[in-house]
């Protein structure tokens, strides 16, 4: 069996390889085009922001759930034994800020 190729076979290979090369060059041109690079960068940034916001949402949701669990019982009723002391601290803090603010205005 002979591996000799005919001129027609060689020419067909050349045509096929030229077409493959043209496709490869077109793909490279699209990949290195500034608009493509910017689009890819924007997509990566958007994905990163989405992941970060997702993590922040999960974290905030967990914190809210923890706080709710501390001040509301399983039936949904407010736990006054925990709310009243917290409210008292808040009133004292707001009163202190108001008092300091009033003193600054006078002097």
N, C-alpha and C. Protein backbone atom coordinates (compact mmCIF):
# COMPACT_ATOMS: atom_id res chain seq x y z
N UNK A 1 0.84 -1.17 0.00
CA UNK A 1 0.00 0.00 0.00
C UNK A 1 0.89 1.23 0.00
N UNK A 2 0.57 2.16 -0.80
CA UNK A 2 1.38 3.35 -0.98
C UNK A 2 0.73 4.53 -0.27
N UNK A 3 1.58 5.35 0.40
CA UNK A 3 1.09 6.56 1.05
C UNK A 3 1.23 7.77 0.16
N UNK A 4 1.46 7.53 -1.10
CA UNK A 4 1.66 8.63 -2.04
C UNK A 4 0.36 9.40 -2.20
N UNK A 5 0.49 10.72 -2.11
CA UNK A 5 -0.70 11.56 -2.27
C UNK A 5 -0.66 12.20 -3.64
N UNK A 6 -1.82 12.35 -4.17
CA UNK A 6 -1.91 12.94 -5.49
C UNK A 6 -1.95 14.46 -5.34
N UNK A 7 -1.67 15.17 -6.40
CA UNK A 7 -1.77 16.64 -6.35
C UNK A 7 -3.17 17.12 -5.96
N UNK A 8 -4.17 16.40 -6.33
CA UNK A 8 -5.55 16.76 -5.96
C UNK A 8 -5.73 16.63 -4.45
N UNK A 9 -5.18 15.55 -3.86
CA UNK A 9 -5.25 15.36 -2.41
C UNK A 9 -4.52 16.50 -1.68
N UNK A 10 -3.35 16.84 -2.17
CA UNK A 10 -2.56 17.90 -1.54
C UNK A 10 -3.30 19.23 -1.63
N UNK A 11 -3.86 19.51 -2.77
CA UNK A 11 -4.60 20.77 -2.96
C UNK A 11 -5.83 20.81 -2.05
N UNK A 12 -6.52 19.68 -1.91
CA UNK A 12 -7.68 19.63 -1.03
C UNK A 12 -7.27 19.86 0.42
N UNK A 13 -6.13 19.30 0.83
CA UNK A 13 -5.61 19.52 2.18
C UNK A 13 -5.28 21.00 2.39
N UNK A 14 -4.66 21.61 1.39
CA UNK A 14 -4.30 23.03 1.50
C UNK A 14 -5.56 23.89 1.65
N UNK A 15 -6.57 23.62 0.86
CA UNK A 15 -7.83 24.37 0.94
C UNK A 15 -8.46 24.19 2.31
N UNK A 16 -8.49 22.95 2.79
CA UNK A 16 -9.09 22.67 4.10
C UNK A 16 -8.32 23.38 5.20
N UNK A 17 -7.02 23.33 5.15
CA UNK A 17 -6.20 23.98 6.19
C UNK A 17 -6.32 25.49 6.14
N UNK A 18 -6.44 26.06 4.95
CA UNK A 18 -6.66 27.50 4.83
C UNK A 18 -7.99 27.90 5.50
N UNK A 19 -9.01 27.08 5.27
CA UNK A 19 -10.31 27.37 5.88
C UNK A 19 -10.22 27.27 7.41
N UNK A 20 -9.55 26.24 7.90
CA UNK A 20 -9.38 26.08 9.35
C UNK A 20 -8.60 27.26 9.92
N UNK A 21 -7.56 27.68 9.23
CA UNK A 21 -6.75 28.82 9.69
C UNK A 21 -7.58 30.10 9.69
N UNK A 22 -8.39 30.29 8.66
CA UNK A 22 -9.23 31.48 8.60
C UNK A 22 -10.22 31.51 9.78
N UNK A 23 -10.80 30.38 10.10
CA UNK A 23 -11.71 30.31 11.24
C UNK A 23 -10.96 30.61 12.54
N UNK A 24 -9.78 30.03 12.70
CA UNK A 24 -8.99 30.27 13.91
C UNK A 24 -8.61 31.74 14.03
N UNK A 25 -8.21 32.36 12.93
CA UNK A 25 -7.85 33.78 12.97
C UNK A 25 -9.06 34.65 13.29
N UNK A 26 -10.22 34.31 12.76
CA UNK A 26 -11.44 35.05 13.09
C UNK A 26 -11.75 34.96 14.59
N UNK A 27 -11.60 33.76 15.15
CA UNK A 27 -11.84 33.57 16.58
C UNK A 27 -10.86 34.40 17.41
N UNK A 28 -9.60 34.40 17.01
CA UNK A 28 -8.59 35.19 17.72
C UNK A 28 -8.93 36.68 17.63
N UNK A 29 -9.31 37.13 16.46
CA UNK A 29 -9.65 38.54 16.27
C UNK A 29 -10.81 38.95 17.17
N UNK A 30 -11.79 38.09 17.32
CA UNK A 30 -12.93 38.39 18.20
C UNK A 30 -12.47 38.42 19.65
N UNK A 31 -11.63 37.48 20.05
CA UNK A 31 -11.17 37.41 21.45
C UNK A 31 -10.33 38.61 21.85
N UNK A 32 -9.50 39.13 20.95
CA UNK A 32 -8.62 40.24 21.31
C UNK A 32 -9.22 41.61 20.99
N UNK A 33 -10.42 41.64 20.44
CA UNK A 33 -11.07 42.91 20.14
C UNK A 33 -11.37 43.64 21.46
N UNK A 34 -11.10 44.94 21.53
CA UNK A 34 -11.33 45.69 22.78
C UNK A 34 -12.75 45.56 23.34
N UNK A 35 -13.74 45.53 22.47
CA UNK A 35 -15.12 45.39 22.96
C UNK A 35 -15.33 44.03 23.63
N UNK A 36 -14.73 43.00 23.07
CA UNK A 36 -14.85 41.67 23.67
C UNK A 36 -14.14 41.64 25.03
N UNK A 37 -12.96 42.22 25.09
CA UNK A 37 -12.21 42.25 26.34
C UNK A 37 -12.99 43.02 27.40
N UNK A 38 -13.54 44.18 27.03
CA UNK A 38 -14.34 44.98 27.98
C UNK A 38 -15.59 44.22 28.41
N UNK A 39 -16.24 43.56 27.47
CA UNK A 39 -17.44 42.79 27.81
C UNK A 39 -17.13 41.67 28.78
N UNK A 40 -16.01 40.98 28.55
CA UNK A 40 -15.61 39.91 29.47
C UNK A 40 -15.29 40.46 30.85
N UNK A 41 -14.59 41.60 30.88
CA UNK A 41 -14.25 42.22 32.17
C UNK A 41 -15.52 42.65 32.91
N UNK A 42 -16.46 43.25 32.19
CA UNK A 42 -17.73 43.65 32.82
C UNK A 42 -18.47 42.45 33.36
N UNK A 43 -18.48 41.37 32.62
CA UNK A 43 -19.17 40.16 33.07
C UNK A 43 -18.52 39.60 34.33
N UNK A 44 -17.18 39.62 34.39
CA UNK A 44 -16.49 39.13 35.58
C UNK A 44 -16.79 40.02 36.79
N UNK A 45 -16.79 41.33 36.58
CA UNK A 45 -17.09 42.25 37.68
C UNK A 45 -18.53 42.06 38.15
N UNK A 46 -19.46 41.94 37.22
CA UNK A 46 -20.87 41.74 37.59
C UNK A 46 -21.04 40.45 38.37
N UNK A 47 -20.38 39.40 37.96
CA UNK A 47 -20.47 38.13 38.68
C UNK A 47 -19.89 38.26 40.09
N UNK A 48 -18.78 38.98 40.20
CA UNK A 48 -18.17 39.18 41.51
C UNK A 48 -19.09 39.99 42.42
N UNK A 49 -19.71 41.03 41.89
CA UNK A 49 -20.64 41.85 42.67
C UNK A 49 -21.84 41.01 43.09
N UNK A 50 -22.35 40.21 42.17
CA UNK A 50 -23.49 39.34 42.50
C UNK A 50 -23.14 38.39 43.64
N UNK A 51 -21.94 37.80 43.59
CA UNK A 51 -21.52 36.89 44.66
C UNK A 51 -21.40 37.63 45.98
N UNK A 52 -20.78 38.83 45.94
CA UNK A 52 -20.59 39.62 47.15
C UNK A 52 -21.94 40.03 47.74
N UNK A 53 -22.85 40.50 46.89
CA UNK A 53 -24.17 40.89 47.37
C UNK A 53 -24.93 39.68 47.92
N UNK A 54 -24.77 38.56 47.29
CA UNK A 54 -25.41 37.34 47.77
C UNK A 54 -24.92 36.96 49.15
N UNK A 55 -23.60 37.02 49.33
CA UNK A 55 -23.04 36.72 50.66
C UNK A 55 -23.51 37.73 51.70
N UNK A 56 -23.55 39.01 51.31
CA UNK A 56 -23.99 40.05 52.25
C UNK A 56 -25.45 39.83 52.63
N UNK A 57 -26.28 39.45 51.65
CA UNK A 57 -27.69 39.20 51.93
C UNK A 57 -27.84 38.03 52.90
N UNK A 58 -27.12 36.97 52.65
CA UNK A 58 -27.22 35.80 53.53
C UNK A 58 -26.76 36.17 54.94
N UNK A 59 -25.68 36.92 55.03
CA UNK A 59 -25.17 37.34 56.33
C UNK A 59 -26.17 38.24 57.05
N UNK A 60 -26.71 39.23 56.35
CA UNK A 60 -27.68 40.14 56.96
C UNK A 60 -28.94 39.39 57.36
N UNK A 61 -29.38 38.49 56.51
CA UNK A 61 -30.58 37.71 56.81
C UNK A 61 -30.36 36.87 58.07
N UNK A 62 -29.17 36.30 58.20
CA UNK A 62 -28.85 35.52 59.39
C UNK A 62 -28.84 36.38 60.64
N UNK A 63 -28.28 37.60 60.53
CA UNK A 63 -28.25 38.51 61.68
C UNK A 63 -29.65 38.93 62.08
N UNK A 64 -30.49 39.21 61.11
CA UNK A 64 -31.88 39.59 61.41
C UNK A 64 -32.62 38.42 62.05
N UNK A 65 -32.40 37.25 61.53
CA UNK A 65 -33.06 36.06 62.10
C UNK A 65 -32.60 35.82 63.54
N UNK A 66 -31.30 36.01 63.78
CA UNK A 66 -30.78 35.85 65.15
C UNK A 66 -31.39 36.88 66.08
N UNK A 67 -31.45 38.13 65.63
CA UNK A 67 -32.04 39.19 66.47
C UNK A 67 -33.51 38.92 66.73
N UNK A 68 -34.21 38.51 65.71
CA UNK A 68 -35.64 38.20 65.87
C UNK A 68 -35.83 37.07 66.87
N UNK A 69 -34.98 36.07 66.79
CA UNK A 69 -35.09 34.92 67.70
C UNK A 69 -34.86 35.35 69.16
N UNK A 70 -34.07 36.39 69.37
CA UNK A 70 -33.81 36.87 70.73
C UNK A 70 -34.98 37.65 71.30
N UNK A 71 -35.75 38.32 70.44
CA UNK A 71 -36.81 39.20 70.94
C UNK A 71 -38.22 38.73 70.65
N UNK A 72 -38.36 37.61 69.96
CA UNK A 72 -39.68 37.05 69.64
C UNK A 72 -39.63 35.56 69.92
N UNK A 73 -40.67 35.05 70.58
CA UNK A 73 -40.67 33.61 70.88
C UNK A 73 -41.19 32.82 69.67
N UNK A 74 -41.27 31.51 69.82
CA UNK A 74 -41.65 30.63 68.71
C UNK A 74 -43.05 30.92 68.18
N UNK A 75 -43.93 31.42 69.03
CA UNK A 75 -45.31 31.70 68.60
C UNK A 75 -45.44 33.06 67.95
N UNK A 76 -44.37 33.86 67.97
CA UNK A 76 -44.41 35.18 67.35
C UNK A 76 -44.68 36.29 68.34
N UNK A 77 -44.83 35.97 69.62
CA UNK A 77 -45.10 36.98 70.64
C UNK A 77 -43.79 37.65 71.05
N UNK A 78 -43.88 38.94 71.34
CA UNK A 78 -42.71 39.71 71.74
C UNK A 78 -42.29 39.29 73.14
N UNK A 79 -41.00 39.10 73.34
CA UNK A 79 -40.46 38.71 74.65
C UNK A 79 -40.15 40.00 75.42
N UNK A 80 -41.12 40.44 76.22
CA UNK A 80 -41.01 41.70 76.93
C UNK A 80 -39.83 41.71 77.90
N UNK A 81 -39.47 40.55 78.45
CA UNK A 81 -38.35 40.50 79.38
C UNK A 81 -37.03 40.88 78.72
N UNK A 82 -36.98 40.84 77.38
CA UNK A 82 -35.77 41.23 76.66
C UNK A 82 -35.92 42.58 75.97
N UNK A 83 -37.13 42.94 75.61
CA UNK A 83 -37.36 44.19 74.89
C UNK A 83 -37.28 45.38 75.83
N UNK A 84 -37.89 45.28 77.02
CA UNK A 84 -37.95 46.41 77.95
C UNK A 84 -36.54 46.89 78.34
N UNK A 85 -35.62 46.02 78.74
CA UNK A 85 -34.28 46.52 79.09
C UNK A 85 -33.57 47.18 77.90
N UNK A 86 -33.74 46.62 76.73
CA UNK A 86 -33.13 47.20 75.54
C UNK A 86 -33.72 48.57 75.25
N UNK A 87 -35.05 48.70 75.38
CA UNK A 87 -35.70 49.99 75.15
C UNK A 87 -35.22 51.01 76.18
N UNK A 88 -35.04 50.59 77.42
CA UNK A 88 -34.56 51.50 78.47
C UNK A 88 -33.16 52.00 78.13
N UNK A 89 -32.29 51.12 77.68
CA UNK A 89 -30.94 51.52 77.29
C UNK A 89 -31.00 52.51 76.12
N UNK A 90 -31.87 52.25 75.15
CA UNK A 90 -32.01 53.15 74.00
C UNK A 90 -32.49 54.52 74.45
N UNK A 91 -33.46 54.58 75.36
CA UNK A 91 -33.98 55.86 75.85
C UNK A 91 -32.87 56.63 76.57
N UNK A 92 -32.11 55.96 77.39
CA UNK A 92 -31.01 56.61 78.11
C UNK A 92 -29.97 57.12 77.11
N UNK A 93 -29.64 56.34 76.10
CA UNK A 93 -28.64 56.75 75.12
C UNK A 93 -29.12 57.97 74.33
N UNK A 94 -30.37 57.95 73.89
CA UNK A 94 -30.92 59.08 73.13
C UNK A 94 -30.98 60.31 74.03
N UNK A 95 -31.38 60.12 75.28
CA UNK A 95 -31.42 61.24 76.23
C UNK A 95 -30.04 61.83 76.45
N UNK A 96 -29.04 60.99 76.57
CA UNK A 96 -27.67 61.46 76.75
C UNK A 96 -27.19 62.25 75.56
N UNK A 97 -27.48 61.78 74.36
CA UNK A 97 -27.08 62.49 73.14
C UNK A 97 -27.80 63.84 73.08
N UNK A 98 -29.08 63.85 73.42
CA UNK A 98 -29.84 65.11 73.40
C UNK A 98 -29.28 66.09 74.43
N UNK A 99 -28.95 65.61 75.61
CA UNK A 99 -28.39 66.45 76.65
C UNK A 99 -27.05 67.04 76.23
N UNK A 100 -26.18 66.22 75.66
CA UNK A 100 -24.89 66.73 75.17
C UNK A 100 -25.08 67.74 74.05
N UNK A 101 -26.01 67.49 73.19
CA UNK A 101 -26.28 68.41 72.09
C UNK A 101 -26.77 69.75 72.62
N UNK A 102 -27.65 69.70 73.63
CA UNK A 102 -28.18 70.94 74.21
C UNK A 102 -27.06 71.72 74.89
N UNK A 103 -26.15 71.05 75.57
CA UNK A 103 -25.04 71.72 76.24
C UNK A 103 -24.09 72.37 75.22
N UNK A 104 -23.88 71.73 74.11
CA UNK A 104 -23.00 72.30 73.07
C UNK A 104 -23.61 73.56 72.47
N UNK A 105 -24.93 73.57 72.32
CA UNK A 105 -25.61 74.74 71.75
C UNK A 105 -25.51 75.95 72.69
N UNK A 106 -25.56 75.70 73.97
CA UNK A 106 -25.51 76.78 74.97
C UNK A 106 -24.11 77.39 75.07
N UNK A 107 -23.13 76.52 75.02
CA UNK A 107 -21.79 77.01 75.33
C UNK A 107 -20.92 77.09 74.18
